Amino acid sequence: MGWTLVTEKEIRYFQFKWENHYALYTIKNNETKIIKKMKPIFLKQTHSNVIVDIDSSNSTTGDGLLTRKKDYTLGVTVADCLPVYLFSKKKMCIIHCGWRGIIEGIAKQAARVMGNYQYVLGASIGPCCYVIMRDVAELFEQNYQNAIVIRGNQYHLDLKAAVIEDLDIKNLIGSLALCTHCHSDLFYSYRRGDRKERNYALIHFHDKMLT
């Protein structure tokens, strides 16, 4: 829903536009040029539920960023985890959702700090490829109705289904429906062996367009 593949000045990326806001998800081998152009703010990510409001905090550690200002680009790095972009008339927020962060409640925290919002999901490892251990599956079975898929004797986790339960499907306006593990031509994937490389998810206002 809503995502488009953009090519500009030899840079390729996925983009989603909502009013004057843009969500961006990088394609492998393009990230350096995009980061140089956009100059996003990043945090040291720890798979937590911490969202840093950069308008009032100097913290450099957390898994989400929030601002009300138009002169910032916010970013998270992912290599199978799910980036979530939240928009409202007055705020924008981006969060990094791995299984630990979801269980810790980062999506619920984003909903609280945003108030009225709409949100977009980026690419992540899909339930087609995300096999988890029984103990992790039990955590999700206790808290989420639709996040676990059982195939044979394996438990598969659907990160997007869990986040949608936390953020409400009625607020969802877009999802980049591609699995990072499946699409080696487009994305880095930790589970596929990309231990150091990362995909970048960025959120920004219209005055930070790449053009």
N, C-alpha and C. Protein backbone atom coordinates (compact mmCIF):
# COMPACT_ATOMS: atom_id res chain seq x y z
N MET A 1 0.84 -1.20 0.00
CA MET A 1 0.00 0.00 0.00
C MET A 1 0.87 1.25 0.00
N GLY A 2 0.82 2.05 -1.04
CA GLY A 2 1.35 3.39 -1.00
C GLY A 2 2.83 3.60 -1.21
N TRP A 3 3.66 2.57 -1.02
CA TRP A 3 5.09 2.73 -1.21
C TRP A 3 5.42 2.73 -2.71
N THR A 4 6.39 3.55 -3.09
CA THR A 4 6.84 3.59 -4.48
C THR A 4 8.35 3.45 -4.52
N LEU A 5 8.85 2.85 -5.57
CA LEU A 5 10.28 2.73 -5.80
C LEU A 5 10.73 3.94 -6.61
N VAL A 6 11.66 4.70 -6.05
CA VAL A 6 12.10 5.96 -6.65
C VAL A 6 13.55 5.85 -7.09
N THR A 7 13.86 6.41 -8.26
CA THR A 7 15.24 6.54 -8.72
C THR A 7 15.51 8.00 -9.00
N GLU A 8 16.47 8.58 -8.29
CA GLU A 8 16.81 9.99 -8.47
C GLU A 8 18.33 10.14 -8.42
N LYS A 9 18.88 10.69 -9.47
CA LYS A 9 20.31 10.98 -9.50
C LYS A 9 21.13 9.77 -9.08
N GLU A 10 20.81 8.62 -9.65
CA GLU A 10 21.50 7.35 -9.42
C GLU A 10 21.30 6.81 -8.00
N ILE A 11 20.36 7.36 -7.25
CA ILE A 11 20.01 6.84 -5.93
C ILE A 11 18.65 6.17 -6.02
N ARG A 12 18.54 4.95 -5.50
CA ARG A 12 17.28 4.22 -5.48
C ARG A 12 16.83 4.00 -4.04
N TYR A 13 15.53 4.17 -3.80
CA TYR A 13 14.99 3.98 -2.47
C TYR A 13 13.48 3.82 -2.57
N PHE A 14 12.90 3.29 -1.51
CA PHE A 14 11.45 3.22 -1.40
C PHE A 14 10.94 4.44 -0.63
N GLN A 15 9.80 4.97 -1.07
CA GLN A 15 9.27 6.18 -0.45
C GLN A 15 7.76 6.06 -0.27
N PHE A 16 7.30 6.62 0.85
CA PHE A 16 5.87 6.74 1.11
C PHE A 16 5.59 8.18 1.50
N LYS A 17 4.60 8.81 0.87
CA LYS A 17 4.27 10.20 1.15
C LYS A 17 2.93 10.29 1.85
N TRP A 18 2.91 11.05 2.94
CA TRP A 18 1.66 11.36 3.64
C TRP A 18 1.63 12.87 3.90
N GLU A 19 0.73 13.57 3.21
CA GLU A 19 0.67 15.03 3.27
C GLU A 19 2.07 15.60 3.06
N ASN A 20 2.64 16.31 4.03
CA ASN A 20 3.97 16.89 3.86
C ASN A 20 5.09 16.04 4.46
N HIS A 21 4.77 14.82 4.84
CA HIS A 21 5.75 13.93 5.45
C HIS A 21 6.16 12.83 4.48
N TYR A 22 7.38 12.34 4.66
CA TYR A 22 7.88 11.27 3.83
C TYR A 22 8.51 10.19 4.70
N ALA A 23 8.21 8.95 4.38
CA ALA A 23 8.91 7.80 4.93
C ALA A 23 9.82 7.26 3.84
N LEU A 24 11.02 6.86 4.22
CA LEU A 24 12.00 6.39 3.24
C LEU A 24 12.64 5.11 3.77
N TYR A 25 12.87 4.16 2.87
CA TYR A 25 13.54 2.91 3.22
C TYR A 25 14.60 2.65 2.15
N THR A 26 15.85 2.47 2.58
CA THR A 26 16.94 2.39 1.63
C THR A 26 17.01 1.04 0.92
N ILE A 27 17.64 1.05 -0.23
CA ILE A 27 17.98 -0.16 -0.97
C ILE A 27 19.49 -0.36 -0.84
N LYS A 28 19.92 -1.58 -0.69
CA LYS A 28 21.34 -1.87 -0.44
C LYS A 28 22.23 -1.23 -1.51
N ASN A 29 23.38 -0.78 -1.06
CA ASN A 29 24.40 -0.11 -1.87
C ASN A 29 24.03 1.33 -2.23
N ASN A 30 22.90 1.83 -1.71
CA ASN A 30 22.51 3.22 -1.92
C ASN A 30 22.54 4.02 -0.62
N GLU A 31 22.74 3.35 0.50
CA GLU A 31 22.54 4.00 1.80
C GLU A 31 23.54 5.12 2.08
N THR A 32 24.78 4.99 1.63
CA THR A 32 25.79 6.01 1.93
C THR A 32 25.41 7.36 1.33
N LYS A 33 24.97 7.36 0.08
CA LYS A 33 24.59 8.60 -0.58
C LYS A 33 23.37 9.23 0.09
N ILE A 34 22.42 8.41 0.49
CA ILE A 34 21.22 8.92 1.12
C ILE A 34 21.52 9.53 2.48
N ILE A 35 22.34 8.85 3.27
CA ILE A 35 22.70 9.37 4.59
C ILE A 35 23.48 10.68 4.46
N LYS A 36 24.36 10.75 3.50
CA LYS A 36 25.13 11.98 3.28
C LYS A 36 24.21 13.14 2.92
N LYS A 37 23.17 12.86 2.13
CA LYS A 37 22.25 13.91 1.70
C LYS A 37 21.29 14.31 2.81
N MET A 38 20.73 13.33 3.51
CA MET A 38 19.66 13.59 4.47
C MET A 38 20.15 13.98 5.86
N LYS A 39 21.34 13.51 6.23
CA LYS A 39 21.92 13.81 7.54
C LYS A 39 20.96 13.51 8.70
N PRO A 40 20.50 12.26 8.79
CA PRO A 40 19.53 11.91 9.82
C PRO A 40 20.14 11.83 11.21
N ILE A 41 19.27 11.92 12.21
CA ILE A 41 19.64 11.70 13.60
C ILE A 41 19.39 10.23 13.92
N PHE A 42 20.39 9.58 14.50
CA PHE A 42 20.26 8.19 14.92
C PHE A 42 20.54 8.07 16.41
N LEU A 43 20.11 6.97 17.00
CA LEU A 43 20.42 6.63 18.37
C LEU A 43 21.23 5.33 18.41
N LYS A 44 21.83 5.06 19.54
CA LYS A 44 22.39 3.74 19.80
C LYS A 44 21.22 2.85 20.18
N GLN A 45 20.90 1.89 19.33
CA GLN A 45 19.72 1.06 19.52
C GLN A 45 20.03 -0.15 20.39
N THR A 46 19.11 -0.45 21.31
CA THR A 46 19.34 -1.53 22.29
C THR A 46 18.16 -2.49 22.41
N HIS A 47 17.25 -2.49 21.46
CA HIS A 47 16.04 -3.34 21.51
C HIS A 47 15.21 -3.04 22.77
N SER A 48 15.02 -1.76 23.03
CA SER A 48 14.31 -1.30 24.21
C SER A 48 12.94 -0.75 23.82
N ASN A 49 12.25 -0.16 24.82
CA ASN A 49 10.99 0.54 24.55
C ASN A 49 11.17 2.05 24.70
N VAL A 50 12.41 2.52 24.65
CA VAL A 50 12.72 3.93 24.88
C VAL A 50 12.56 4.74 23.60
N ILE A 51 11.75 5.79 23.67
CA ILE A 51 11.58 6.74 22.58
C ILE A 51 12.09 8.10 23.05
N VAL A 52 13.04 8.65 22.35
CA VAL A 52 13.67 9.90 22.75
C VAL A 52 13.01 11.07 22.03
N ASP A 53 12.49 12.01 22.80
CA ASP A 53 11.95 13.26 22.26
C ASP A 53 13.12 14.22 22.10
N ILE A 54 13.59 14.39 20.89
CA ILE A 54 14.81 15.17 20.69
C ILE A 54 14.59 16.66 20.88
N ASP A 55 13.34 17.09 21.01
CA ASP A 55 13.07 18.50 21.29
C ASP A 55 13.37 18.85 22.74
N SER A 56 13.41 17.84 23.60
CA SER A 56 13.60 18.11 25.03
C SER A 56 14.64 17.23 25.69
N SER A 57 15.27 16.32 24.95
CA SER A 57 16.23 15.39 25.54
C SER A 57 17.49 15.30 24.69
N ASN A 58 18.62 15.13 25.36
CA ASN A 58 19.90 14.94 24.67
C ASN A 58 20.34 13.48 24.70
N SER A 59 19.45 12.60 25.10
CA SER A 59 19.80 11.18 25.20
C SER A 59 20.20 10.64 23.83
N THR A 60 21.17 9.76 23.82
CA THR A 60 21.67 9.18 22.57
C THR A 60 21.38 7.68 22.46
N THR A 61 20.63 7.15 23.40
CA THR A 61 20.33 5.71 23.42
C THR A 61 18.83 5.48 23.44
N GLY A 62 18.36 4.58 22.61
CA GLY A 62 16.94 4.26 22.56
C GLY A 62 16.58 3.63 21.24
N ASP A 63 15.33 3.32 21.06
CA ASP A 63 14.88 2.66 19.84
C ASP A 63 13.75 3.40 19.15
N GLY A 64 13.60 4.66 19.50
CA GLY A 64 12.62 5.50 18.83
C GLY A 64 12.99 6.96 18.96
N LEU A 65 12.59 7.76 17.99
CA LEU A 65 12.85 9.20 17.97
C LEU A 65 11.55 9.93 17.67
N LEU A 66 11.39 11.09 18.32
CA LEU A 66 10.18 11.90 18.19
C LEU A 66 10.57 13.36 18.07
N THR A 67 9.89 14.11 17.21
CA THR A 67 10.09 15.55 17.13
C THR A 67 8.83 16.24 16.62
N ARG A 68 8.74 17.52 16.91
CA ARG A 68 7.68 18.38 16.40
C ARG A 68 8.23 19.37 15.37
N LYS A 69 9.52 19.32 15.12
CA LYS A 69 10.19 20.31 14.27
C LYS A 69 10.34 19.80 12.85
N LYS A 70 10.41 20.76 11.91
CA LYS A 70 10.49 20.42 10.50
C LYS A 70 11.92 20.33 9.97
N ASP A 71 12.89 20.72 10.76
CA ASP A 71 14.26 20.77 10.25
C ASP A 71 15.07 19.55 10.65
N TYR A 72 14.42 18.43 10.96
CA TYR A 72 15.12 17.21 11.32
C TYR A 72 14.71 16.06 10.41
N THR A 73 15.63 15.16 10.21
CA THR A 73 15.33 13.84 9.65
C THR A 73 15.69 12.83 10.73
N LEU A 74 14.77 11.95 11.04
CA LEU A 74 14.97 10.94 12.07
C LEU A 74 15.18 9.59 11.42
N GLY A 75 16.02 8.75 12.02
CA GLY A 75 16.29 7.46 11.41
C GLY A 75 16.52 6.33 12.40
N VAL A 76 16.26 5.11 11.93
CA VAL A 76 16.65 3.90 12.65
C VAL A 76 17.34 2.98 11.64
N THR A 77 18.18 2.10 12.15
CA THR A 77 18.82 1.10 11.32
C THR A 77 18.18 -0.26 11.59
N VAL A 78 18.05 -1.05 10.54
CA VAL A 78 17.40 -2.36 10.66
C VAL A 78 18.11 -3.36 9.75
N ALA A 79 18.08 -4.63 10.17
CA ALA A 79 18.64 -5.68 9.33
C ALA A 79 17.79 -6.93 9.48
N ASP A 80 16.51 -6.77 9.50
CA ASP A 80 15.43 -7.75 9.61
C ASP A 80 14.33 -7.23 10.52
N CYS A 81 14.68 -6.37 11.50
CA CYS A 81 13.66 -5.79 12.37
C CYS A 81 12.77 -4.85 11.57
N LEU A 82 11.67 -4.45 12.18
CA LEU A 82 10.64 -3.67 11.51
C LEU A 82 10.73 -2.19 11.89
N PRO A 83 10.90 -1.28 10.92
CA PRO A 83 10.78 0.14 11.21
C PRO A 83 9.32 0.58 11.07
N VAL A 84 8.89 1.40 12.01
CA VAL A 84 7.52 1.91 11.98
C VAL A 84 7.58 3.43 11.99
N TYR A 85 6.86 4.06 11.07
CA TYR A 85 6.84 5.50 10.90
C TYR A 85 5.47 6.00 11.36
N LEU A 86 5.45 6.95 12.29
CA LEU A 86 4.18 7.49 12.79
C LEU A 86 4.10 8.98 12.49
N PHE A 87 2.94 9.41 11.99
CA PHE A 87 2.73 10.79 11.58
C PHE A 87 1.50 11.38 12.28
N SER A 88 1.58 12.66 12.60
CA SER A 88 0.39 13.41 12.97
C SER A 88 0.56 14.82 12.42
N LYS A 89 -0.41 15.67 12.67
CA LYS A 89 -0.31 17.05 12.19
C LYS A 89 0.85 17.79 12.85
N LYS A 90 1.18 17.40 14.10
CA LYS A 90 2.16 18.16 14.87
C LYS A 90 3.44 17.40 15.18
N LYS A 91 3.45 16.08 15.01
CA LYS A 91 4.60 15.28 15.42
C LYS A 91 4.95 14.24 14.36
N MET A 92 6.20 13.79 14.42
CA MET A 92 6.57 12.60 13.68
C MET A 92 7.47 11.76 14.57
N CYS A 93 7.40 10.44 14.36
CA CYS A 93 8.11 9.50 15.22
C CYS A 93 8.50 8.29 14.38
N ILE A 94 9.65 7.72 14.69
CA ILE A 94 10.07 6.48 14.05
C ILE A 94 10.57 5.54 15.12
N ILE A 95 10.21 4.25 15.02
CA ILE A 95 10.62 3.28 16.02
C ILE A 95 11.19 2.03 15.36
N HIS A 96 12.09 1.40 16.10
CA HIS A 96 12.76 0.16 15.69
C HIS A 96 12.13 -0.99 16.46
N CYS A 97 11.49 -1.91 15.74
CA CYS A 97 10.73 -2.98 16.38
C CYS A 97 11.30 -4.36 16.05
N GLY A 98 12.10 -4.87 16.96
CA GLY A 98 12.44 -6.28 16.94
C GLY A 98 11.53 -7.00 17.92
N TRP A 99 11.69 -8.30 18.08
CA TRP A 99 10.77 -9.01 18.96
C TRP A 99 10.90 -8.54 20.40
N ARG A 100 12.12 -8.23 20.84
CA ARG A 100 12.31 -7.77 22.23
C ARG A 100 11.64 -6.42 22.46
N GLY A 101 11.83 -5.50 21.53
CA GLY A 101 11.22 -4.19 21.67
C GLY A 101 9.71 -4.24 21.67
N ILE A 102 9.14 -5.11 20.84
CA ILE A 102 7.68 -5.25 20.82
C ILE A 102 7.18 -5.78 22.15
N ILE A 103 7.82 -6.82 22.67
CA ILE A 103 7.41 -7.36 23.96
C ILE A 103 7.60 -6.34 25.07
N GLU A 104 8.64 -5.50 24.97
CA GLU A 104 8.87 -4.44 25.96
C GLU A 104 7.84 -3.32 25.84
N GLY A 105 7.14 -3.24 24.70
CA GLY A 105 6.07 -2.28 24.55
C GLY A 105 6.40 -1.01 23.79
N ILE A 106 7.39 -1.06 22.89
CA ILE A 106 7.77 0.17 22.20
C ILE A 106 6.65 0.70 21.30
N ALA A 107 5.90 -0.17 20.66
CA ALA A 107 4.81 0.31 19.80
C ALA A 107 3.70 0.95 20.64
N LYS A 108 3.38 0.34 21.76
CA LYS A 108 2.39 0.92 22.67
C LYS A 108 2.86 2.28 23.18
N GLN A 109 4.15 2.38 23.47
CA GLN A 109 4.70 3.66 23.93
C GLN A 109 4.60 4.72 22.83
N ALA A 110 4.87 4.34 21.59
CA ALA A 110 4.74 5.28 20.48
C ALA A 110 3.31 5.78 20.34
N ALA A 111 2.34 4.89 20.51
CA ALA A 111 0.94 5.30 20.44
C ALA A 111 0.61 6.32 21.52
N ARG A 112 1.16 6.11 22.71
CA ARG A 112 0.90 7.04 23.82
C ARG A 112 1.49 8.42 23.56
N VAL A 113 2.72 8.47 23.08
CA VAL A 113 3.37 9.77 22.91
C VAL A 113 2.85 10.52 21.68
N MET A 114 2.29 9.79 20.71
CA MET A 114 1.82 10.44 19.50
C MET A 114 0.38 10.95 19.62
N GLY A 115 -0.45 10.31 20.42
CA GLY A 115 -1.86 10.71 20.50
C GLY A 115 -2.60 10.27 19.26
N ASN A 116 -3.18 11.21 18.52
CA ASN A 116 -3.82 10.88 17.25
C ASN A 116 -2.75 10.75 16.17
N TYR A 117 -2.75 9.65 15.46
CA TYR A 117 -1.66 9.40 14.51
C TYR A 117 -2.12 8.44 13.42
N GLN A 118 -1.32 8.41 12.37
CA GLN A 118 -1.38 7.36 11.36
C GLN A 118 0.02 6.79 11.24
N TYR A 119 0.11 5.58 10.73
CA TYR A 119 1.44 4.97 10.69
C TYR A 119 1.63 4.13 9.43
N VAL A 120 2.92 3.93 9.14
CA VAL A 120 3.36 3.18 7.97
C VAL A 120 4.38 2.15 8.42
N LEU A 121 4.32 0.97 7.85
CA LEU A 121 5.28 -0.09 8.14
C LEU A 121 6.29 -0.20 7.02
N GLY A 122 7.56 -0.33 7.38
CA GLY A 122 8.60 -0.58 6.38
C GLY A 122 8.74 -2.06 6.09
N ALA A 123 9.82 -2.43 5.43
CA ALA A 123 10.11 -3.84 5.17
C ALA A 123 10.74 -4.47 6.41
N SER A 124 10.53 -5.77 6.56
CA SER A 124 11.17 -6.53 7.65
C SER A 124 11.21 -7.99 7.24
N ILE A 125 11.87 -8.80 8.04
CA ILE A 125 11.79 -10.23 7.80
C ILE A 125 10.33 -10.65 8.01
N GLY A 126 9.83 -11.50 7.13
CA GLY A 126 8.44 -11.90 7.20
C GLY A 126 8.26 -13.23 7.90
N PRO A 127 7.02 -13.59 8.19
CA PRO A 127 6.75 -14.88 8.82
C PRO A 127 7.15 -16.05 7.93
N CYS A 128 7.35 -15.80 6.67
CA CYS A 128 7.85 -16.84 5.76
C CYS A 128 9.23 -17.33 6.17
N CYS A 129 10.02 -16.44 6.77
CA CYS A 129 11.43 -16.74 7.06
C CYS A 129 11.83 -16.63 8.53
N TYR A 130 10.98 -16.03 9.35
CA TYR A 130 11.38 -15.72 10.73
C TYR A 130 10.99 -16.85 11.67
N VAL A 131 11.87 -17.82 11.80
CA VAL A 131 11.67 -18.95 12.70
C VAL A 131 12.22 -18.56 14.08
N ILE A 132 11.42 -18.80 15.12
CA ILE A 132 11.82 -18.43 16.48
C ILE A 132 11.72 -19.64 17.40
N MET A 133 12.33 -19.51 18.56
CA MET A 133 12.29 -20.57 19.56
C MET A 133 10.95 -20.56 20.30
N ARG A 134 10.64 -21.68 20.91
CA ARG A 134 9.36 -21.84 21.60
C ARG A 134 9.17 -20.80 22.70
N ASP A 135 10.23 -20.47 23.45
CA ASP A 135 10.07 -19.52 24.56
C ASP A 135 9.66 -18.14 24.07
N VAL A 136 10.20 -17.72 22.92
CA VAL A 136 9.81 -16.44 22.34
C VAL A 136 8.38 -16.52 21.81
N ALA A 137 8.05 -17.63 21.17
CA ALA A 137 6.69 -17.83 20.68
C ALA A 137 5.67 -17.74 21.80
N GLU A 138 5.99 -18.29 22.95
CA GLU A 138 5.06 -18.26 24.08
C GLU A 138 4.82 -16.84 24.56
N LEU A 139 5.85 -16.00 24.52
CA LEU A 139 5.67 -14.60 24.90
C LEU A 139 4.64 -13.92 24.00
N PHE A 140 4.72 -14.18 22.72
CA PHE A 140 3.79 -13.56 21.78
C PHE A 140 2.40 -14.20 21.87
N GLU A 141 2.35 -15.49 22.10
CA GLU A 141 1.04 -16.14 22.23
C GLU A 141 0.27 -15.61 23.42
N GLN A 142 0.99 -15.19 24.46
CA GLN A 142 0.35 -14.62 25.65
C GLN A 142 -0.19 -13.22 25.42
N ASN A 143 0.41 -12.51 24.47
CA ASN A 143 0.09 -11.09 24.33
C ASN A 143 -0.51 -10.70 22.98
N TYR A 144 -0.40 -11.55 21.97
CA TYR A 144 -0.85 -11.20 20.62
C TYR A 144 -1.60 -12.36 20.00
N GLN A 145 -2.71 -12.07 19.36
CA GLN A 145 -3.54 -13.11 18.78
C GLN A 145 -3.03 -13.63 17.44
N ASN A 146 -2.40 -12.74 16.67
CA ASN A 146 -2.13 -13.08 15.27
C ASN A 146 -0.65 -13.12 14.90
N ALA A 147 0.24 -13.07 15.86
CA ALA A 147 1.66 -12.91 15.55
C ALA A 147 2.40 -14.22 15.29
N ILE A 148 1.87 -15.33 15.74
CA ILE A 148 2.57 -16.60 15.61
C ILE A 148 1.91 -17.47 14.54
N VAL A 149 2.75 -17.99 13.65
CA VAL A 149 2.31 -18.93 12.63
C VAL A 149 3.08 -20.23 12.88
N ILE A 150 2.36 -21.34 13.01
CA ILE A 150 3.00 -22.63 13.25
C ILE A 150 3.00 -23.43 11.95
N ARG A 151 4.18 -23.86 11.54
CA ARG A 151 4.34 -24.67 10.33
C ARG A 151 5.14 -25.91 10.71
N GLY A 152 4.48 -27.04 10.66
CA GLY A 152 5.12 -28.26 11.10
C GLY A 152 5.44 -28.16 12.58
N ASN A 153 6.71 -28.31 12.92
CA ASN A 153 7.13 -28.17 14.32
C ASN A 153 7.89 -26.87 14.57
N GLN A 154 7.71 -25.89 13.67
CA GLN A 154 8.41 -24.62 13.79
C GLN A 154 7.44 -23.47 14.08
N TYR A 155 7.92 -22.52 14.87
CA TYR A 155 7.18 -21.30 15.17
C TYR A 155 7.74 -20.16 14.31
N HIS A 156 6.86 -19.48 13.62
CA HIS A 156 7.25 -18.34 12.79
C HIS A 156 6.59 -17.08 13.37
N LEU A 157 7.36 -15.99 13.41
CA LEU A 157 6.87 -14.74 13.99
C LEU A 157 6.55 -13.73 12.90
N ASP A 158 5.39 -13.10 13.03
CA ASP A 158 4.95 -12.03 12.13
C ASP A 158 5.06 -10.71 12.89
N LEU A 159 6.17 -10.01 12.71
CA LEU A 159 6.40 -8.75 13.41
C LEU A 159 5.31 -7.73 13.10
N LYS A 160 4.90 -7.67 11.84
CA LYS A 160 3.92 -6.67 11.44
C LYS A 160 2.57 -6.93 12.10
N ALA A 161 2.17 -8.19 12.19
CA ALA A 161 0.89 -8.51 12.82
C ALA A 161 0.89 -8.06 14.27
N ALA A 162 2.01 -8.24 14.97
CA ALA A 162 2.08 -7.82 16.37
C ALA A 162 1.98 -6.31 16.51
N VAL A 163 2.70 -5.59 15.67
CA VAL A 163 2.69 -4.13 15.74
C VAL A 163 1.30 -3.58 15.38
N ILE A 164 0.65 -4.19 14.40
CA ILE A 164 -0.69 -3.75 14.03
C ILE A 164 -1.66 -3.93 15.20
N GLU A 165 -1.50 -4.99 15.97
CA GLU A 165 -2.35 -5.16 17.15
C GLU A 165 -2.11 -4.03 18.16
N ASP A 166 -0.87 -3.60 18.28
CA ASP A 166 -0.55 -2.52 19.23
C ASP A 166 -1.02 -1.16 18.74
N LEU A 167 -0.92 -0.91 17.45
CA LEU A 167 -1.18 0.43 16.92
C LEU A 167 -2.56 0.59 16.27
N ASP A 168 -3.29 -0.51 16.10
CA ASP A 168 -4.65 -0.50 15.56
C ASP A 168 -4.62 -0.42 14.03
N ILE A 169 -5.23 -1.38 13.40
CA ILE A 169 -5.22 -1.43 11.94
C ILE A 169 -5.91 -0.23 11.31
N LYS A 170 -6.84 0.40 12.02
CA LYS A 170 -7.53 1.55 11.43
C LYS A 170 -6.61 2.74 11.22
N ASN A 171 -5.47 2.77 11.91
CA ASN A 171 -4.50 3.86 11.75
C ASN A 171 -3.43 3.55 10.72
N LEU A 172 -3.45 2.34 10.17
CA LEU A 172 -2.42 1.91 9.21
C LEU A 172 -2.73 2.46 7.83
N ILE A 173 -1.75 3.15 7.23
CA ILE A 173 -1.97 3.73 5.90
C ILE A 173 -1.00 3.18 4.85
N GLY A 174 -0.05 2.34 5.25
CA GLY A 174 0.87 1.79 4.26
C GLY A 174 1.77 0.72 4.84
N SER A 175 2.13 -0.26 4.00
CA SER A 175 3.05 -1.31 4.42
C SER A 175 3.90 -1.72 3.23
N LEU A 176 5.22 -1.71 3.43
CA LEU A 176 6.15 -2.15 2.39
C LEU A 176 6.23 -3.68 2.50
N ALA A 177 5.42 -4.35 1.70
CA ALA A 177 5.17 -5.78 1.86
C ALA A 177 6.25 -6.62 1.19
N LEU A 178 7.49 -6.46 1.67
CA LEU A 178 8.62 -7.22 1.17
C LEU A 178 9.39 -7.79 2.35
N CYS A 179 9.85 -9.02 2.22
CA CYS A 179 10.64 -9.67 3.27
C CYS A 179 12.11 -9.39 3.03
N THR A 180 12.79 -8.86 4.04
CA THR A 180 14.21 -8.53 3.89
C THR A 180 15.06 -9.78 3.67
N HIS A 181 14.64 -10.90 4.23
CA HIS A 181 15.39 -12.15 4.06
C HIS A 181 15.23 -12.71 2.66
N CYS A 182 14.05 -12.60 2.10
CA CYS A 182 13.78 -13.13 0.75
C CYS A 182 14.45 -12.31 -0.34
N HIS A 183 14.48 -10.99 -0.16
CA HIS A 183 14.88 -10.09 -1.25
C HIS A 183 16.32 -9.63 -1.09
N SER A 184 17.24 -10.54 -1.41
CA SER A 184 18.67 -10.23 -1.28
C SER A 184 19.12 -9.18 -2.29
N ASP A 185 18.34 -8.96 -3.34
CA ASP A 185 18.68 -7.94 -4.33
C ASP A 185 18.40 -6.53 -3.83
N LEU A 186 17.56 -6.42 -2.81
CA LEU A 186 17.13 -5.10 -2.32
C LEU A 186 17.65 -4.75 -0.93
N PHE A 187 17.71 -5.75 -0.04
CA PHE A 187 17.92 -5.44 1.37
C PHE A 187 19.03 -6.29 1.99
N TYR A 188 19.62 -5.75 3.05
CA TYR A 188 20.49 -6.54 3.91
C TYR A 188 19.62 -7.32 4.89
N SER A 189 20.11 -8.48 5.29
CA SER A 189 19.39 -9.32 6.24
C SER A 189 20.38 -9.98 7.19
N TYR A 190 20.21 -9.73 8.47
CA TYR A 190 21.09 -10.32 9.47
C TYR A 190 21.00 -11.84 9.43
N ARG A 191 19.81 -12.35 9.31
CA ARG A 191 19.62 -13.80 9.31
C ARG A 191 20.10 -14.46 8.02
N ARG A 192 20.31 -13.67 7.01
CA ARG A 192 20.87 -14.21 5.77
C ARG A 192 22.39 -14.13 5.77
N GLY A 193 22.96 -13.47 6.80
CA GLY A 193 24.41 -13.42 6.91
C GLY A 193 25.02 -12.04 6.85
N ASP A 194 24.20 -10.99 6.69
CA ASP A 194 24.73 -9.62 6.65
C ASP A 194 24.91 -9.11 8.08
N ARG A 195 26.04 -9.39 8.67
CA ARG A 195 26.25 -9.09 10.08
C ARG A 195 26.57 -7.62 10.36
N LYS A 196 27.18 -6.93 9.41
CA LYS A 196 27.60 -5.54 9.64
C LYS A 196 26.74 -4.52 8.90
N GLU A 197 26.23 -4.89 7.74
CA GLU A 197 25.47 -3.93 6.94
C GLU A 197 24.07 -3.74 7.50
N ARG A 198 23.51 -2.56 7.26
CA ARG A 198 22.17 -2.24 7.75
C ARG A 198 21.36 -1.51 6.68
N ASN A 199 20.04 -1.72 6.72
CA ASN A 199 19.11 -0.91 5.97
C ASN A 199 18.78 0.31 6.82
N TYR A 200 18.44 1.41 6.17
CA TYR A 200 18.11 2.64 6.88
C TYR A 200 16.66 3.03 6.62
N ALA A 201 15.98 3.36 7.69
CA ALA A 201 14.61 3.86 7.61
C ALA A 201 14.61 5.30 8.12
N LEU A 202 14.09 6.21 7.31
CA LEU A 202 14.12 7.64 7.64
C LEU A 202 12.73 8.24 7.54
N ILE A 203 12.47 9.23 8.39
CA ILE A 203 11.22 9.97 8.34
C ILE A 203 11.56 11.46 8.33
N HIS A 204 10.87 12.24 7.49
CA HIS A 204 11.21 13.65 7.36
C HIS A 204 10.05 14.43 6.76
N PHE A 205 10.18 15.76 6.81
CA PHE A 205 9.19 16.65 6.22
C PHE A 205 9.58 16.99 4.79
N HIS A 206 8.66 17.63 4.07
CA HIS A 206 8.85 17.87 2.65
C HIS A 206 10.06 18.71 2.32
N ASP A 207 10.50 19.57 3.22
CA ASP A 207 11.64 20.44 2.92
C ASP A 207 12.98 19.72 3.03
N LYS A 208 12.94 18.39 3.25
CA LYS A 208 14.15 17.59 3.27
C LYS A 208 14.15 16.57 2.12
N MET A 209 13.41 16.84 1.07
CA MET A 209 13.38 15.93 -0.07
C MET A 209 14.77 15.75 -0.64
N LEU A 210 15.01 14.60 -1.25
CA LEU A 210 16.32 14.32 -1.82
C LEU A 210 16.62 15.18 -3.04
N THR A 211 15.59 15.60 -3.75
CA THR A 211 15.82 16.38 -4.98
C THR A 211 16.29 17.78 -4.63
